[in-house]
Amino acid sequence: MNTSLTAVSHRLYTPITALNDHAERLQAQSLSDLIGGNTSLARHRASALAFTFGSLHLDLSKQRINQETLSLLVDWARSCGIEDKRRGLFAGAKVNTSERRVALHMAARWPAGTTPPEGMAPAVAFCQQQHLRMTDMVERLHQGEWFGATGQAITDVVHIGVGGSDLGPKMISEALADRPSQARVSVHYVSSMDGAQLLPLMEQLDPATTLLVLASKSFTTADTQFNVRTALAWLSDALEIDVPTVCRYQLVGVSSKPEKMIEFGIPDAHQLVFKDWIGGRFSLWSPIGVSVAMQLGMASFNALLEGAHAMDRHFLETPLTENLPVLVALVGAWNCQFLNISTHAVLPYDGRLKSLPAYLQQLEMESNGKSVRTDGRSVNHATCPIIWGDVGPNAQHAFYQLLHQGGHTVSADFVAVASREVDAPQSVCDSLAAQEQLTLANCLAQAQLFALGDDAIPAGLRGHMAQGYRGNQPNSLLLLKQLDAWGMGALLALYEHKVFVQSVLWKLNPFDQPGVELGKKLATSLYQTLAGESAEQDVVKDPSTEQLLRKVNEWR
């Protein structure tokens, strides 16, 4: 035997090589083989791949993995230094390398009286100070002591943001809307730059009792600036009061740029600030969530923070083999990189979670949708999959046909809620309980069918219904005991840490988003062209865009 050749071969056998070899061997086994029917071995596997944290349960038994897969994946994570990088994240290391920043969104949910990791303490102190300011604002509003420019108490809040300044608060407002504060303040969300969401509100709401919340990290985002200027023009015209006066009474600013809020005319008492070490898509826990607190009350908002903090501690302190965010991240990377599954469906079986797919699209794809590593080298494999989805019961009547019998392989997260408390007459509660059971039954059935395909058809139905269910579609099931603020906080923090773990595996910076900048710059120049102004920057000449500009101007 050539010992030198053996030594070289041994050195090149990395965790990635081991996973590639393992994936090749595992491809010969279907999920039907892995799940293996109702045998003691199958029951043991299912039990070993189920994890519970508080009121959140994670089932990975319908993933195309076994114990060897998990062991190899954990070895890979350790070889990437995940444990040191996890500690560095919480200790204020500059993990956002391109912008030379820390990423301490966890500080916004760190509780008072609990010692934070070394390096996080100043961030926690600042976040708690802003949290107190936010609490004062919310209590003033709920006590009916916030008056508009004409002296009438505020009854409605219009939250103006986009991206992370909109998706997180909007999703929580929808998910927890059946748990309102006693004040029952109505909150409305505006994000689209075309004004389509704003116009109906201008027709429905009383301008004298409407408060605007302008949520913008940079305070320069065109979408929010145009929306707030239109909203202020509406209030000014309807109330016959100048815009600066409206700003003093009926505008709250949330930004990392207090100087820009002052320049805009927002009084200091109506300003909430978060630092640039909280990224937009990680900012729900910061004052960006003020509209959620205004709608639901501080008790619910604080419970949201408590659930997220509990997941932070779990992620920071739990061994990798039992760590929910780590396991979800590793399995996701396995599906995308080693099983070559390029799309991932998010399928919540609860209408209150209708915005969860959109929220996770931004969180995951804007964070890890990159092909250049932190060292400047190109990634030579797929990273973040395409995230998409819809409310499960609706999706069953839309695209499940393709998923079950088409030619595409997808992975999926099914998200379900075990129980729901309803304050209603007993007959209504009984009827809703039956709907809840039907929804859960559909969720479990679809997850089973995704995994098993034709093998899920009971013997008595074989030959009596169409076959061709492809199966072998790996999926996880995330089960919430109930849809409450604590559970939502824990769930979203799990996904945040999943993103961080995968960024370590793929050597990416998940805290910047350079890919969105050029499109914005091109749009600015084209906007100036459409407005008949001289563009600050040259517009790239291409016949397709030029003919579209001519058609737009012709029709306008």
Protein backbone atom coordinates (compact mmCIF):
# COMPACT_ATOMS: atom_id res chain seq x y z
CA MET A 1 0.00 0.00 0.00
CA ASN A 2 1.22 3.48 -0.83
CA THR A 3 1.20 5.09 2.65
CA SER A 4 1.81 8.61 1.33
CA LEU A 5 -1.21 8.33 -0.98
CA THR A 6 -3.31 7.03 1.91
CA ALA A 7 -2.26 9.98 4.05
CA VAL A 8 -3.21 12.48 1.33
CA SER A 9 -6.55 10.72 0.83
CA HIS A 10 -7.19 10.85 4.59
CA ARG A 11 -6.42 14.58 4.75
CA LEU A 12 -8.86 15.33 1.94
CA TYR A 13 -11.71 13.41 3.58
CA THR A 14 -13.44 16.45 5.07
CA PRO A 15 -16.88 16.68 6.70
CA ILE A 16 -18.21 17.89 3.35
CA THR A 17 -16.75 14.83 1.61
CA ALA A 18 -18.27 12.56 4.23
CA LEU A 19 -21.68 14.19 3.79
CA ASN A 20 -21.50 13.91 0.00
CA ASP A 21 -20.67 10.22 0.26
CA HIS A 22 -23.41 9.70 2.82
CA ALA A 23 -25.96 11.52 0.63
CA GLU A 24 -25.05 9.26 -2.29
CA ARG A 25 -25.66 6.18 -0.15
CA LEU A 26 -28.88 7.55 1.33
CA GLN A 27 -30.33 8.43 -2.08
CA ALA A 28 -31.04 4.72 -2.53
CA GLN A 29 -33.41 4.84 0.45
CA SER A 30 -36.81 6.51 0.24
CA LEU A 31 -38.63 8.09 3.14
CA SER A 32 -40.89 5.05 3.11
CA ASP A 33 -37.81 2.93 3.79
CA LEU A 34 -36.62 5.25 6.54
CA ILE A 35 -39.99 5.58 8.25
CA GLY A 36 -40.26 1.84 7.87
CA GLY A 37 -43.82 1.11 8.94
CA ASN A 38 -45.01 0.44 12.47
CA THR A 39 -41.91 -1.40 13.72
CA SER A 40 -39.92 -0.91 16.90
CA LEU A 41 -36.99 0.43 14.82
CA ALA A 42 -39.25 2.97 13.10
CA ARG A 43 -40.76 4.03 16.42
CA HIS A 44 -37.31 4.48 17.90
CA ARG A 45 -36.21 6.61 14.92
CA ALA A 46 -39.34 8.78 15.16
CA SER A 47 -38.80 9.30 18.88
CA ALA A 48 -35.13 10.19 18.39
CA LEU A 49 -36.05 12.86 15.82
CA ALA A 50 -38.69 14.65 17.91
CA PHE A 51 -37.79 17.58 20.18
CA THR A 52 -39.86 19.74 22.53
CA PHE A 53 -38.94 23.17 23.88
CA GLY A 54 -41.56 24.82 26.08
CA SER A 55 -44.77 25.06 24.06
CA LEU A 56 -42.96 24.37 20.76
CA HIS A 57 -42.53 20.86 19.33
CA LEU A 58 -40.29 19.97 16.37
CA ASP A 59 -40.68 16.69 14.46
CA LEU A 60 -37.89 15.83 12.00
CA SER A 61 -38.89 12.20 11.48
CA LYS A 62 -40.16 12.89 7.94
CA GLN A 63 -36.79 14.25 6.85
CA ARG A 64 -34.51 12.10 4.70
CA ILE A 65 -32.02 11.59 7.51
CA ASN A 66 -30.94 9.01 10.04
CA GLN A 67 -28.76 9.20 13.15
CA GLU A 68 -25.61 8.95 11.03
CA THR A 69 -26.78 11.96 8.98
CA LEU A 70 -27.25 14.06 12.11
CA SER A 71 -23.88 12.97 13.47
CA LEU A 72 -22.12 13.96 10.24
CA LEU A 73 -23.98 17.27 10.09
CA VAL A 74 -23.01 18.12 13.66
CA ASP A 75 -19.38 17.26 12.83
CA TRP A 76 -19.60 19.68 9.89
CA ALA A 77 -20.99 22.43 12.11
CA ARG A 78 -18.20 21.90 14.65
CA SER A 79 -15.57 21.99 11.90
CA CYS A 80 -16.95 25.41 10.90
CA GLY A 81 -16.48 26.68 14.47
CA ILE A 82 -20.18 27.10 15.17
CA GLU A 83 -19.78 27.02 18.96
CA ASP A 84 -17.17 29.79 19.00
CA LYS A 85 -19.11 31.85 16.47
CA ARG A 86 -22.30 31.40 18.50
CA ARG A 87 -20.54 32.78 21.57
CA GLY A 88 -19.09 35.59 19.47
CA LEU A 89 -22.51 36.57 18.17
CA PHE A 90 -23.83 37.06 21.70
CA ALA A 91 -20.63 38.69 22.95
CA GLY A 92 -20.66 41.46 20.36
CA ALA A 93 -18.17 40.18 17.79
CA LYS A 94 -18.31 42.04 14.47
CA VAL A 95 -20.13 39.26 12.64
CA ASN A 96 -21.41 41.75 10.03
CA THR A 97 -18.02 41.89 8.37
CA SER A 98 -18.88 44.00 5.31
CA GLU A 99 -20.30 46.82 7.44
CA ARG A 100 -17.95 46.18 10.38
CA ARG A 101 -20.82 45.87 12.82
CA VAL A 102 -21.99 43.61 15.58
CA ALA A 103 -25.45 42.00 15.29
CA LEU A 104 -27.17 42.27 18.65
CA HIS A 105 -30.90 42.04 17.97
CA MET A 106 -30.98 39.62 20.94
CA ALA A 107 -30.23 42.59 23.21
CA ALA A 108 -33.65 44.05 22.42
CA ARG A 109 -35.30 41.06 24.13
CA TRP A 110 -32.84 40.54 26.98
CA PRO A 111 -34.80 40.95 30.23
CA ALA A 112 -33.97 43.53 32.89
CA GLY A 113 -32.29 42.01 35.93
CA THR A 114 -30.68 39.17 33.94
CA THR A 115 -26.94 39.48 33.37
CA PRO A 116 -26.18 39.47 29.63
CA PRO A 117 -23.07 37.89 28.09
CA GLU A 118 -19.91 39.95 28.36
CA GLY A 119 -19.88 42.43 25.49
CA MET A 120 -23.67 42.72 25.23
CA ALA A 121 -24.32 44.79 28.38
CA PRO A 122 -24.18 48.30 26.80
CA ALA A 123 -26.55 47.21 24.03
CA VAL A 124 -28.98 45.72 26.56
CA ALA A 125 -28.94 48.93 28.62
CA PHE A 126 -29.74 51.05 25.55
CA CYS A 127 -32.54 48.71 24.42
CA GLN A 128 -34.13 48.71 27.87
CA GLN A 129 -34.10 52.49 27.98
CA GLN A 130 -35.93 52.63 24.64
CA HIS A 131 -38.29 49.91 25.84
CA LEU A 132 -39.30 52.17 28.74
CA ARG A 133 -39.95 55.05 26.33
CA MET A 134 -42.10 52.76 24.22
CA THR A 135 -44.01 51.57 27.31
CA ASP A 136 -44.81 55.18 28.23
CA MET A 137 -46.12 55.85 24.71
CA VAL A 138 -48.31 52.74 24.69
CA GLU A 139 -49.77 53.43 28.14
CA ARG A 140 -50.51 57.03 27.17
CA LEU A 141 -52.36 55.81 24.09
CA HIS A 142 -54.29 53.09 25.93
CA GLN A 143 -55.35 55.48 28.66
CA GLY A 144 -56.89 57.77 26.05
CA GLU A 145 -54.38 60.52 26.78
CA TRP A 146 -52.81 60.82 23.32
CA PHE A 147 -54.57 63.62 21.49
CA GLY A 148 -54.32 64.62 17.86
CA ALA A 149 -53.83 68.14 16.55
CA THR A 150 -57.52 68.98 17.04
CA GLY A 151 -57.66 67.65 20.60
CA GLN A 152 -59.38 64.31 19.92
CA ALA A 153 -58.04 61.04 21.37
CA ILE A 154 -56.22 58.70 18.99
CA THR A 155 -58.16 55.59 17.98
CA ASP A 156 -56.24 54.27 14.94
CA VAL A 157 -52.59 53.76 14.12
CA VAL A 158 -51.20 53.60 10.58
CA HIS A 159 -47.83 51.84 10.58
CA ILE A 160 -45.75 52.92 7.56
CA GLY A 161 -42.72 50.76 6.80
CA VAL A 162 -41.38 48.26 4.30
CA GLY A 163 -39.40 45.03 4.46
CA GLY A 164 -38.28 44.25 8.00
CA SER A 165 -39.97 47.39 9.30
CA ASP A 166 -43.30 46.00 8.09
CA LEU A 167 -43.29 42.22 7.71
CA GLY A 168 -42.55 41.29 11.33
CA PRO A 169 -44.97 43.68 13.07
CA LYS A 170 -47.69 42.98 10.51
CA MET A 171 -47.37 39.22 10.96
CA ILE A 172 -47.56 39.43 14.76
CA SER A 173 -50.54 41.79 14.58
CA GLU A 174 -52.37 39.24 12.42
CA ALA A 175 -51.28 36.19 14.40
CA LEU A 176 -52.31 37.57 17.79
CA ALA A 177 -55.26 39.70 16.69
CA ASP A 178 -57.66 37.53 18.71
CA ARG A 179 -55.84 38.62 21.87
CA PRO A 180 -56.38 42.40 21.76
CA SER A 181 -55.67 44.88 24.53
CA GLN A 182 -58.64 46.28 26.40
CA ALA A 183 -58.14 49.60 24.59
CA ARG A 184 -58.70 47.86 21.23
CA VAL A 185 -56.56 50.31 19.26
CA SER A 186 -56.79 49.48 15.57
CA VAL A 187 -53.51 49.20 13.67
CA HIS A 188 -53.22 49.30 9.88
CA TYR A 189 -50.10 48.51 7.84
CA VAL A 190 -48.89 50.36 4.75
CA SER A 191 -45.83 49.23 2.79
CA SER A 192 -46.48 49.27 -0.97
CA MET A 193 -44.88 52.25 -2.67
CA ASP A 194 -47.79 52.68 -5.11
CA GLY A 195 -50.17 54.00 -2.45
CA ALA A 196 -52.68 51.17 -3.00
CA GLN A 197 -52.76 50.30 0.72
CA LEU A 198 -52.91 53.92 1.84
CA LEU A 199 -55.77 55.17 -0.31
CA PRO A 200 -58.52 52.99 1.26
CA LEU A 201 -57.38 54.02 4.75
CA MET A 202 -57.67 57.68 3.79
CA GLU A 203 -61.30 57.00 2.92
CA GLN A 204 -62.10 54.92 6.03
CA LEU A 205 -60.25 56.53 8.95
CA ASP A 206 -60.98 59.71 10.85
CA PRO A 207 -57.97 62.00 10.22
CA ALA A 208 -58.48 63.70 13.60
CA THR A 209 -57.94 60.42 15.51
CA THR A 210 -55.27 58.76 13.34
CA LEU A 211 -51.65 58.42 14.46
CA LEU A 212 -48.91 57.72 11.92
CA VAL A 213 -45.92 55.53 12.85
CA LEU A 214 -43.04 56.00 10.43
CA ALA A 215 -40.76 52.97 10.83
CA SER A 216 -37.56 53.26 8.81
CA LYS A 217 -34.08 52.25 9.94
CA SER A 218 -32.27 54.59 7.54
CA PHE A 219 -35.08 57.17 7.38
CA THR A 220 -34.32 57.51 3.67
CA THR A 221 -36.17 54.52 2.16
CA ALA A 222 -38.15 55.87 -0.78
CA ASP A 223 -41.18 53.62 -0.18
CA THR A 224 -41.78 54.92 3.34
CA GLN A 225 -40.89 58.53 2.56
CA PHE A 226 -43.42 58.76 -0.26
CA ASN A 227 -46.14 57.04 1.79
CA VAL A 228 -45.66 59.26 4.84
CA ARG A 229 -45.64 62.45 2.77
CA THR A 230 -48.93 61.43 1.15
CA ALA A 231 -50.40 60.51 4.55
CA LEU A 232 -49.31 63.84 6.05
CA ALA A 233 -50.76 65.72 3.09
CA TRP A 234 -54.07 63.90 3.71
CA LEU A 235 -54.12 64.78 7.43
CA SER A 236 -53.08 68.38 6.77
CA ASP A 237 -55.74 68.92 4.11
CA ALA A 238 -58.53 67.17 6.02
CA LEU A 239 -57.81 68.92 9.33
CA GLU A 240 -56.87 72.27 7.72
CA ILE A 241 -53.65 72.30 9.76
CA ASP A 242 -50.13 72.72 8.41
CA VAL A 243 -47.92 69.66 8.09
CA PRO A 244 -45.39 70.68 10.81
CA THR A 245 -48.23 70.88 13.35
CA VAL A 246 -49.57 67.49 12.28
CA CYS A 247 -46.06 66.07 12.75
CA ARG A 248 -45.89 67.40 16.30
CA TYR A 249 -49.11 65.68 17.34
CA GLN A 250 -49.81 62.75 15.04
CA LEU A 251 -46.49 61.28 13.93
CA VAL A 252 -44.19 58.83 15.72
CA GLY A 253 -40.76 58.07 14.27
CA VAL A 254 -38.80 54.85 14.72
CA SER A 255 -35.32 54.88 13.25
CA SER A 256 -31.60 54.49 13.86
CA LYS A 257 -31.18 58.10 12.68
CA PRO A 258 -32.57 60.48 15.36
CA GLU A 259 -31.03 63.48 13.62
CA LYS A 260 -33.08 62.76 10.50
CA MET A 261 -36.26 62.45 12.59
CA ILE A 262 -35.58 65.86 14.15
CA GLU A 263 -34.97 67.35 10.69
CA PHE A 264 -38.28 65.85 9.53
CA GLY A 265 -40.13 67.60 12.36
CA ILE A 266 -40.82 64.72 14.75
CA PRO A 267 -40.56 65.93 18.36
CA ASP A 268 -38.12 64.14 20.65
CA ALA A 269 -40.98 62.83 22.81
CA HIS A 270 -42.35 60.96 19.78
CA GLN A 271 -39.05 59.38 18.73
CA LEU A 272 -37.95 55.80 19.33
CA VAL A 273 -34.43 54.79 18.40
CA PHE A 274 -32.68 51.52 17.67
CA LYS A 275 -29.04 51.13 16.75
CA ASP A 276 -27.58 50.04 13.43
CA TRP A 277 -26.50 46.75 15.05
CA ILE A 278 -30.12 45.63 14.75
CA GLY A 279 -30.81 44.68 11.14
CA GLY A 280 -34.17 45.54 9.63
CA ARG A 281 -35.33 41.94 9.24
CA PHE A 282 -34.28 41.24 12.85
CA SER A 283 -35.92 44.38 14.28
CA LEU A 284 -39.38 43.24 15.38
CA TRP A 285 -38.17 43.11 19.01
CA SER A 286 -36.92 46.70 18.94
CA PRO A 287 -39.11 49.84 18.89
CA ILE A 288 -40.01 48.80 15.32
CA GLY A 289 -42.61 46.67 17.14
CA VAL A 290 -44.28 49.68 18.76
CA SER A 291 -47.43 49.29 16.64
CA VAL A 292 -47.79 45.69 17.85
CA ALA A 293 -47.57 46.95 21.43
CA MET A 294 -50.11 49.69 20.67
CA GLN A 295 -52.52 47.11 19.32
CA LEU A 296 -52.02 44.24 21.77
CA GLY A 297 -50.69 45.96 24.88
CA MET A 298 -47.30 45.80 26.57
CA ALA A 299 -48.09 42.53 28.39
CA SER A 300 -48.43 40.69 25.07
CA PHE A 301 -45.39 42.44 23.57
CA ASN A 302 -43.30 41.55 26.62
CA ALA A 303 -44.45 37.92 26.37
CA LEU A 304 -43.26 37.94 22.74
CA LEU A 305 -39.83 39.10 23.93
CA GLU A 306 -39.79 36.47 26.69
CA GLY A 307 -40.42 33.65 24.21
CA ALA A 308 -37.67 34.91 21.92
CA HIS A 309 -35.25 35.29 24.83
CA ALA A 310 -35.98 31.75 26.00
CA MET A 311 -35.01 30.52 22.53
CA ASP A 312 -31.87 32.71 22.66
CA ARG A 313 -30.79 30.98 25.86
CA HIS A 314 -31.60 27.58 24.42
CA PHE A 315 -29.54 28.32 21.30
CA LEU A 316 -26.61 29.70 23.32
CA GLU A 317 -26.48 27.03 26.02
CA THR A 318 -27.82 23.74 24.60
CA PRO A 319 -25.52 21.09 23.05
CA LEU A 320 -25.67 21.00 19.26
CA THR A 321 -27.29 17.57 19.16
CA GLU A 322 -30.34 18.84 21.07
CA ASN A 323 -30.35 22.46 19.88
CA LEU A 324 -33.50 23.22 17.87
CA PRO A 325 -32.17 26.13 15.75
CA VAL A 326 -29.00 24.16 15.01
CA LEU A 327 -30.92 21.04 14.02
CA VAL A 328 -33.34 22.95 11.79
CA ALA A 329 -30.41 24.75 10.14
CA LEU A 330 -28.42 21.56 9.58
CA VAL A 331 -31.38 19.69 8.09
CA GLY A 332 -32.17 22.66 5.84
CA ALA A 333 -28.57 22.82 4.62
CA TRP A 334 -28.61 19.04 4.07
CA ASN A 335 -31.70 19.30 1.87
CA CYS A 336 -30.42 22.23 -0.15
CA GLN A 337 -26.73 21.48 -0.53
CA PHE A 338 -26.52 17.70 -0.43
CA LEU A 339 -29.93 16.51 -1.66
CA ASN A 340 -30.09 19.37 -4.23
CA ILE A 341 -33.59 20.50 -3.24
CA SER A 342 -33.72 24.12 -4.35
CA THR A 343 -37.14 25.22 -3.06
CA HIS A 344 -38.63 25.14 0.43
CA ALA A 345 -42.34 25.58 1.15
CA VAL A 346 -43.64 27.12 4.38
CA LEU A 347 -47.16 25.81 5.00
CA PRO A 348 -48.91 27.12 8.12
CA TYR A 349 -52.16 25.34 8.97
CA ASP A 350 -53.69 28.33 10.72
CA GLY A 351 -55.07 31.38 8.93
CA ARG A 352 -53.63 33.67 11.58
CA LEU A 353 -50.16 32.74 10.27
CA LYS A 354 -50.90 33.77 6.69
CA SER A 355 -47.95 36.19 6.60
CA LEU A 356 -45.39 33.71 7.98
CA PRO A 357 -44.18 32.61 4.49
CA ALA A 358 -43.58 36.23 3.45
CA TYR A 359 -41.78 37.00 6.72
CA LEU A 360 -39.48 34.00 6.31
CA GLN A 361 -38.86 34.82 2.66
CA GLN A 362 -37.18 38.04 3.66
CA LEU A 363 -35.49 36.64 6.77
CA GLU A 364 -33.86 33.74 4.93
CA MET A 365 -33.44 34.85 1.31
CA GLU A 366 -32.22 38.38 2.04
CA SER A 367 -29.83 37.01 4.67
CA ASN A 368 -28.33 33.98 2.93
CA GLY A 369 -29.32 34.45 -0.71
CA LYS A 370 -25.69 35.03 -1.65
CA SER A 371 -22.96 33.34 -3.65
CA VAL A 372 -19.91 35.23 -2.38
CA ARG A 373 -18.32 34.20 0.90
CA THR A 374 -17.01 36.53 3.60
CA ASP A 375 -13.48 35.92 2.30
CA GLY A 376 -14.48 37.12 -1.18
CA ARG A 377 -14.42 33.68 -2.79
CA SER A 378 -17.38 32.30 -4.73
CA VAL A 379 -19.58 29.61 -3.22
CA ASN A 380 -19.52 26.53 -5.46
CA HIS A 381 -22.85 25.06 -4.34
CA ALA A 382 -26.42 26.14 -3.63
CA THR A 383 -26.99 28.12 -0.45
CA CYS A 384 -30.38 29.41 0.65
CA PRO A 385 -33.30 27.71 -1.12
CA ILE A 386 -36.19 29.67 -2.61
CA ILE A 387 -38.70 30.16 0.21
CA TRP A 388 -42.38 30.26 -0.68
CA GLY A 389 -45.72 29.04 0.60
CA ASP A 390 -49.25 29.83 1.71
CA VAL A 391 -51.79 28.88 4.34
CA GLY A 392 -51.95 25.09 4.07
CA PRO A 393 -55.71 24.53 3.62
CA ASN A 394 -55.77 27.12 0.81
CA ALA A 395 -52.60 25.70 -0.74
CA GLN A 396 -54.22 22.26 -0.91
CA HIS A 397 -56.63 23.72 -3.48
CA ALA A 398 -53.91 25.54 -5.39
CA PHE A 399 -50.47 23.99 -5.78
CA TYR A 400 -50.46 20.70 -3.86
CA GLN A 401 -51.40 18.90 -7.07
CA LEU A 402 -47.99 19.81 -8.51
CA LEU A 403 -46.20 18.97 -5.27
CA HIS A 404 -47.77 15.53 -5.03
CA GLN A 405 -47.78 14.45 -8.68
CA GLY A 406 -45.56 16.92 -10.54
CA GLY A 407 -41.88 16.58 -11.28
CA HIS A 408 -40.44 19.02 -8.72
CA THR A 409 -38.88 17.98 -5.44
CA VAL A 410 -39.42 20.38 -2.54
CA SER A 411 -38.78 20.39 1.17
CA ALA A 412 -41.35 21.87 3.52
CA ASP A 413 -42.09 23.17 6.99
CA PHE A 414 -45.61 22.43 8.16
CA VAL A 415 -46.62 24.72 11.04
CA ALA A 416 -49.66 23.81 13.13
CA VAL A 417 -51.40 24.91 16.33
CA ALA A 418 -52.64 22.21 18.71
CA SER A 419 -55.42 24.11 20.46
CA ARG A 420 -57.24 27.43 20.43
CA GLU A 421 -59.04 29.20 23.23
CA VAL A 422 -62.16 31.02 22.08
CA ASP A 423 -64.45 33.25 24.12
CA ALA A 424 -67.78 32.37 22.49
CA PRO A 425 -71.05 30.54 23.19
CA GLN A 426 -70.62 26.79 23.72
CA SER A 427 -72.27 25.87 20.41
CA VAL A 428 -69.82 28.12 18.55
CA CYS A 429 -66.87 26.69 20.52
CA ASP A 430 -67.97 23.15 19.64
CA SER A 431 -68.21 24.02 15.95
CA LEU A 432 -64.82 25.72 15.97
CA ALA A 433 -63.30 22.72 17.77
CA ALA A 434 -64.46 20.49 14.92
CA GLN A 435 -62.85 22.89 12.40
CA GLU A 436 -59.65 22.86 14.43
CA GLN A 437 -59.58 19.05 14.40
CA LEU A 438 -60.22 18.99 10.65
CA THR A 439 -57.36 21.45 10.08
CA LEU A 440 -54.94 19.41 12.18
CA ALA A 441 -56.02 16.19 10.45
CA ASN A 442 -55.31 17.78 7.05
CA CYS A 443 -51.90 19.00 8.20
CA LEU A 444 -50.85 15.57 9.47
CA ALA A 445 -52.26 13.83 6.40
CA GLN A 446 -50.47 16.11 3.96
CA ALA A 447 -47.14 15.77 5.79
CA GLN A 448 -47.58 12.00 5.66
CA LEU A 449 -48.47 12.05 1.96
CA PHE A 450 -45.50 14.33 1.16
CA ALA A 451 -43.22 11.75 2.74
CA LEU A 452 -44.77 8.42 1.74
CA GLY A 453 -46.49 9.11 -1.59
CA ASP A 454 -48.35 6.08 -2.91
CA ASP A 455 -47.29 4.10 0.16
CA ALA A 456 -49.65 6.29 2.20
CA ILE A 457 -52.69 4.90 0.33
CA PRO A 458 -54.48 2.46 2.67
CA ALA A 459 -54.80 -1.10 1.36
CA GLY A 460 -58.58 -0.79 1.11
CA LEU A 461 -58.28 2.16 -1.30
CA ARG A 462 -55.65 0.72 -3.62
CA GLY A 463 -57.08 0.24 -7.08
CA HIS A 464 -59.97 2.61 -6.30
CA MET A 465 -58.13 5.92 -6.65
CA ALA A 466 -55.43 7.47 -8.77
CA GLN A 467 -51.84 6.73 -7.89
CA GLY A 468 -48.67 8.53 -8.89
CA TYR A 469 -48.12 10.34 -5.58
CA ARG A 470 -44.36 10.76 -5.84
CA GLY A 471 -43.65 11.08 -2.10
CA ASN A 472 -40.10 11.27 -0.76
CA GLN A 473 -40.57 15.00 -0.14
CA PRO A 474 -38.76 15.75 3.15
CA ASN A 475 -40.67 17.86 5.64
CA SER A 476 -40.61 19.03 9.24
CA LEU A 477 -43.59 19.72 11.44
CA LEU A 478 -43.48 22.58 13.93
CA LEU A 479 -46.33 22.32 16.41
CA LEU A 480 -47.32 25.17 18.73
CA LYS A 481 -49.32 24.26 21.82
CA GLN A 482 -51.34 27.42 21.18
CA LEU A 483 -50.83 30.55 19.16
CA ASP A 484 -49.75 32.99 21.86
CA ALA A 485 -47.11 35.69 22.14
CA TRP A 486 -44.54 33.50 23.94
CA GLY A 487 -44.79 30.75 21.34
CA MET A 488 -44.54 33.20 18.45
CA GLY A 489 -41.45 34.77 19.99
CA ALA A 490 -39.78 31.39 20.40
CA LEU A 491 -40.71 30.31 16.86
CA LEU A 492 -39.35 33.43 15.17
CA ALA A 493 -36.14 33.44 17.23
CA LEU A 494 -35.64 29.80 16.20
CA TYR A 495 -35.75 30.83 12.55
CA GLU A 496 -33.42 33.79 13.18
CA HIS A 497 -30.79 31.52 14.71
CA LYS A 498 -31.32 28.99 11.93
CA VAL A 499 -30.25 31.71 9.48
CA PHE A 500 -27.13 32.46 11.52
CA VAL A 501 -26.09 28.81 11.76
CA GLN A 502 -26.49 28.31 8.02
CA SER A 503 -24.44 31.45 7.35
CA VAL A 504 -21.62 29.90 9.38
CA LEU A 505 -21.88 26.64 7.43
CA TRP A 506 -21.78 28.49 4.11
CA LYS A 507 -19.30 31.20 5.24
CA LEU A 508 -21.71 34.02 4.38
CA ASN A 509 -22.52 37.34 6.02
CA PRO A 510 -26.26 37.13 6.81
CA PHE A 511 -26.49 40.70 8.11
CA ASP A 512 -26.00 42.73 4.92
CA GLN A 513 -27.98 42.86 1.67
CA PRO A 514 -25.86 44.42 -1.09
CA GLY A 515 -27.95 42.73 -3.76
CA VAL A 516 -30.85 45.16 -3.31
CA GLU A 517 -28.88 48.38 -3.67
CA LEU A 518 -28.29 48.62 -7.44
CA GLY A 519 -31.97 48.17 -8.26
CA LYS A 520 -32.81 51.09 -5.97
CA LYS A 521 -30.21 53.32 -7.64
CA LEU A 522 -31.49 52.44 -11.12
CA ALA A 523 -35.05 53.16 -9.98
CA THR A 524 -34.04 56.61 -8.70
CA SER A 525 -32.63 57.58 -12.09
CA LEU A 526 -35.66 56.20 -13.95
CA TYR A 527 -38.01 58.01 -11.55
CA GLN A 528 -36.28 61.29 -12.35
CA THR A 529 -36.56 60.49 -16.05
CA LEU A 530 -40.32 59.80 -15.73
CA ALA A 531 -40.75 63.03 -13.76
CA GLY A 532 -39.08 65.00 -16.58
CA GLU A 533 -36.05 65.82 -14.45
CA SER A 534 -32.37 65.40 -15.22
CA ALA A 535 -31.21 62.09 -13.78
CA GLU A 536 -28.42 62.38 -11.21
CA GLN A 537 -26.83 59.28 -12.70
CA ASP A 538 -26.80 58.06 -16.28
CA VAL A 539 -29.60 55.68 -17.15
CA VAL A 540 -28.31 52.57 -18.88
CA LYS A 541 -29.59 52.64 -22.44
CA ASP A 542 -31.30 49.49 -23.59
CA PRO A 543 -34.03 49.32 -26.27
CA SER A 544 -36.43 47.31 -24.11
CA THR A 545 -36.49 49.83 -21.25
CA GLU A 546 -36.53 52.81 -23.62
CA GLN A 547 -39.63 51.55 -25.44
CA LEU A 548 -41.37 50.91 -22.11
CA LEU A 549 -40.59 54.45 -20.98
CA ARG A 550 -42.10 55.77 -24.19
CA LYS A 551 -45.25 53.65 -23.70
CA VAL A 552 -45.63 54.78 -20.07
CA ASN A 553 -45.31 58.44 -21.05
CA GLU A 554 -47.72 57.93 -23.94
CA TRP A 555 -50.39 56.43 -21.66
CA ARG A 556 -49.86 58.96 -18.89
